[in-house]
Amino acid sequence: MFAFDRGMACGLPMIVPRNTSIPEVVGDAGYYIETDHHMIFPNRDRELIRQIPSMTQTVKALNEFYYNTELRKEYRAKSLNRIREITEKTKLFNWIILLIILIRNL
């Protein structure tokens, strides 16, 4: 998650695969691409299958952002708005935890 939130805080557009857990973090700030390849990684007792983004779609998305200034501006704003949402939720959560700790210690 940290790479995505730092990128969004800088106003960078996020080009991300759709069928991972990344959309939960990136939200509507993500420019989504499909995955169409599978890689199998040996993992002790079982094999872990991961889907990787299509190289064609990745290059296409990069080209769209490179040549389309309006698209860059739109996704820059979306990234900054999304990181503000995440930051506000985190602040609220931290205050709630602090209040719970204080109440328990009374």
Protein backbone atom coordinates (compact mmCIF):
# COMPACT_ATOMS: atom_id res chain seq x y z
CA MET A 1 0.00 0.00 0.00
CA PHE A 2 2.76 2.45 0.86
CA ALA A 3 3.97 2.86 -2.72
CA PHE A 4 0.48 3.74 -3.88
CA ASP A 5 -0.34 6.21 -1.13
CA ARG A 6 2.98 7.98 -1.56
CA GLY A 7 2.46 8.21 -5.29
CA MET A 8 -1.05 9.55 -4.82
CA ALA A 9 0.23 12.11 -2.29
CA CYS A 10 2.54 13.39 -5.04
CA GLY A 11 -0.40 13.63 -7.42
CA LEU A 12 0.77 10.78 -9.64
CA PRO A 13 -1.82 8.83 -11.63
CA MET A 14 -2.05 5.21 -10.53
CA ILE A 15 -2.11 2.62 -13.32
CA VAL A 16 -3.23 -0.54 -11.54
CA PRO A 17 -4.58 -4.02 -12.30
CA ARG A 18 -8.30 -4.33 -11.68
CA ASN A 19 -8.47 -7.79 -10.12
CA THR A 20 -6.15 -7.36 -7.12
CA SER A 21 -6.63 -5.79 -3.71
CA ILE A 22 -5.09 -2.52 -4.92
CA PRO A 23 -8.47 -0.99 -5.95
CA GLU A 24 -9.45 -0.98 -2.27
CA VAL A 25 -6.63 1.48 -1.61
CA VAL A 26 -6.63 3.48 -4.83
CA GLY A 27 -10.40 3.74 -5.30
CA ASP A 28 -11.57 5.95 -8.15
CA ALA A 29 -8.07 7.45 -8.48
CA GLY A 30 -6.91 4.32 -10.28
CA TYR A 31 -6.64 3.98 -14.03
CA TYR A 32 -7.49 0.30 -14.26
CA ILE A 33 -6.07 -2.24 -16.67
CA GLU A 34 -6.96 -5.90 -17.02
CA THR A 35 -4.68 -8.82 -16.29
CA ASP A 36 -4.42 -11.61 -18.79
CA HIS A 37 -1.34 -13.57 -17.81
CA HIS A 38 -0.73 -15.93 -14.93
CA MET A 39 2.56 -16.63 -13.24
CA ILE A 40 3.06 -19.54 -10.89
CA PHE A 41 5.40 -19.05 -7.96
CA PRO A 42 6.46 -22.04 -5.85
CA ASN A 43 5.44 -21.47 -2.25
CA ARG A 44 6.43 -24.31 0.10
CA ASP A 45 3.36 -26.57 0.24
CA ARG A 46 1.34 -25.01 -2.53
CA GLU A 47 1.78 -22.93 -5.62
CA LEU A 48 0.80 -19.30 -5.62
CA ILE A 49 -0.77 -18.13 -8.83
CA ARG A 50 -0.58 -14.41 -9.51
CA GLN A 51 -2.07 -12.51 -12.36
CA ILE A 52 0.13 -9.89 -13.99
CA PRO A 53 -1.01 -6.93 -16.07
CA SER A 54 -1.01 -7.17 -19.82
CA MET A 55 2.09 -5.44 -21.19
CA THR A 56 0.06 -4.12 -24.12
CA GLN A 57 -2.48 -2.47 -21.83
CA THR A 58 0.25 -1.10 -19.58
CA VAL A 59 2.06 0.55 -22.49
CA LYS A 60 -1.24 1.86 -23.86
CA ALA A 61 -2.09 3.42 -20.48
CA LEU A 62 1.36 5.01 -20.19
CA ASN A 63 1.00 6.48 -23.69
CA GLU A 64 -2.45 7.87 -22.85
CA PHE A 65 -1.09 9.67 -19.81
CA TYR A 66 1.99 10.90 -21.66
CA TYR A 67 0.09 12.42 -24.58
CA ASN A 68 -3.15 13.52 -22.86
CA THR A 69 -2.64 16.51 -20.58
CA GLU A 70 -6.30 16.64 -19.52
CA LEU A 71 -6.24 12.97 -18.49
CA ARG A 72 -3.12 13.62 -16.38
CA LYS A 73 -4.79 16.60 -14.70
CA GLU A 74 -7.96 14.60 -14.02
CA TYR A 75 -6.13 11.67 -12.43
CA ARG A 76 -3.78 13.99 -10.53
CA ALA A 77 -6.82 15.58 -8.88
CA LYS A 78 -8.34 12.16 -8.21
CA SER A 79 -5.10 10.95 -6.59
CA LEU A 80 -4.86 13.99 -4.32
CA ASN A 81 -8.54 13.70 -3.33
CA ARG A 82 -8.21 9.99 -2.58
CA ILE A 83 -5.14 10.48 -0.38
CA ARG A 84 -7.03 13.18 1.54
CA GLU A 85 -9.88 10.71 2.13
CA ILE A 86 -7.45 8.05 3.35
CA THR A 87 -5.66 10.55 5.59
CA GLU A 88 -8.91 11.79 7.14
CA LYS A 89 -10.11 8.24 7.83
CA THR A 90 -6.76 7.39 9.39
CA LYS A 91 -6.86 10.49 11.60
CA LEU A 92 -10.39 9.66 12.74
CA PHE A 93 -9.43 6.05 13.45
CA ASN A 94 -6.39 7.18 15.48
CA TRP A 95 -8.54 9.56 17.55
CA ILE A 96 -11.04 6.78 18.25
CA ILE A 97 -8.24 4.45 19.39
CA LEU A 98 -6.81 7.20 21.61
CA LEU A 99 -10.23 7.80 23.20
CA ILE A 100 -10.70 4.09 23.83
CA ILE A 101 -7.29 3.91 25.52
CA LEU A 102 -8.05 6.96 27.66
CA ILE A 103 -11.47 5.63 28.71
CA ARG A 104 -9.99 2.24 29.66
CA ASN A 105 -7.36 3.94 31.80
CA LEU A 106 -9.86 6.01 33.82
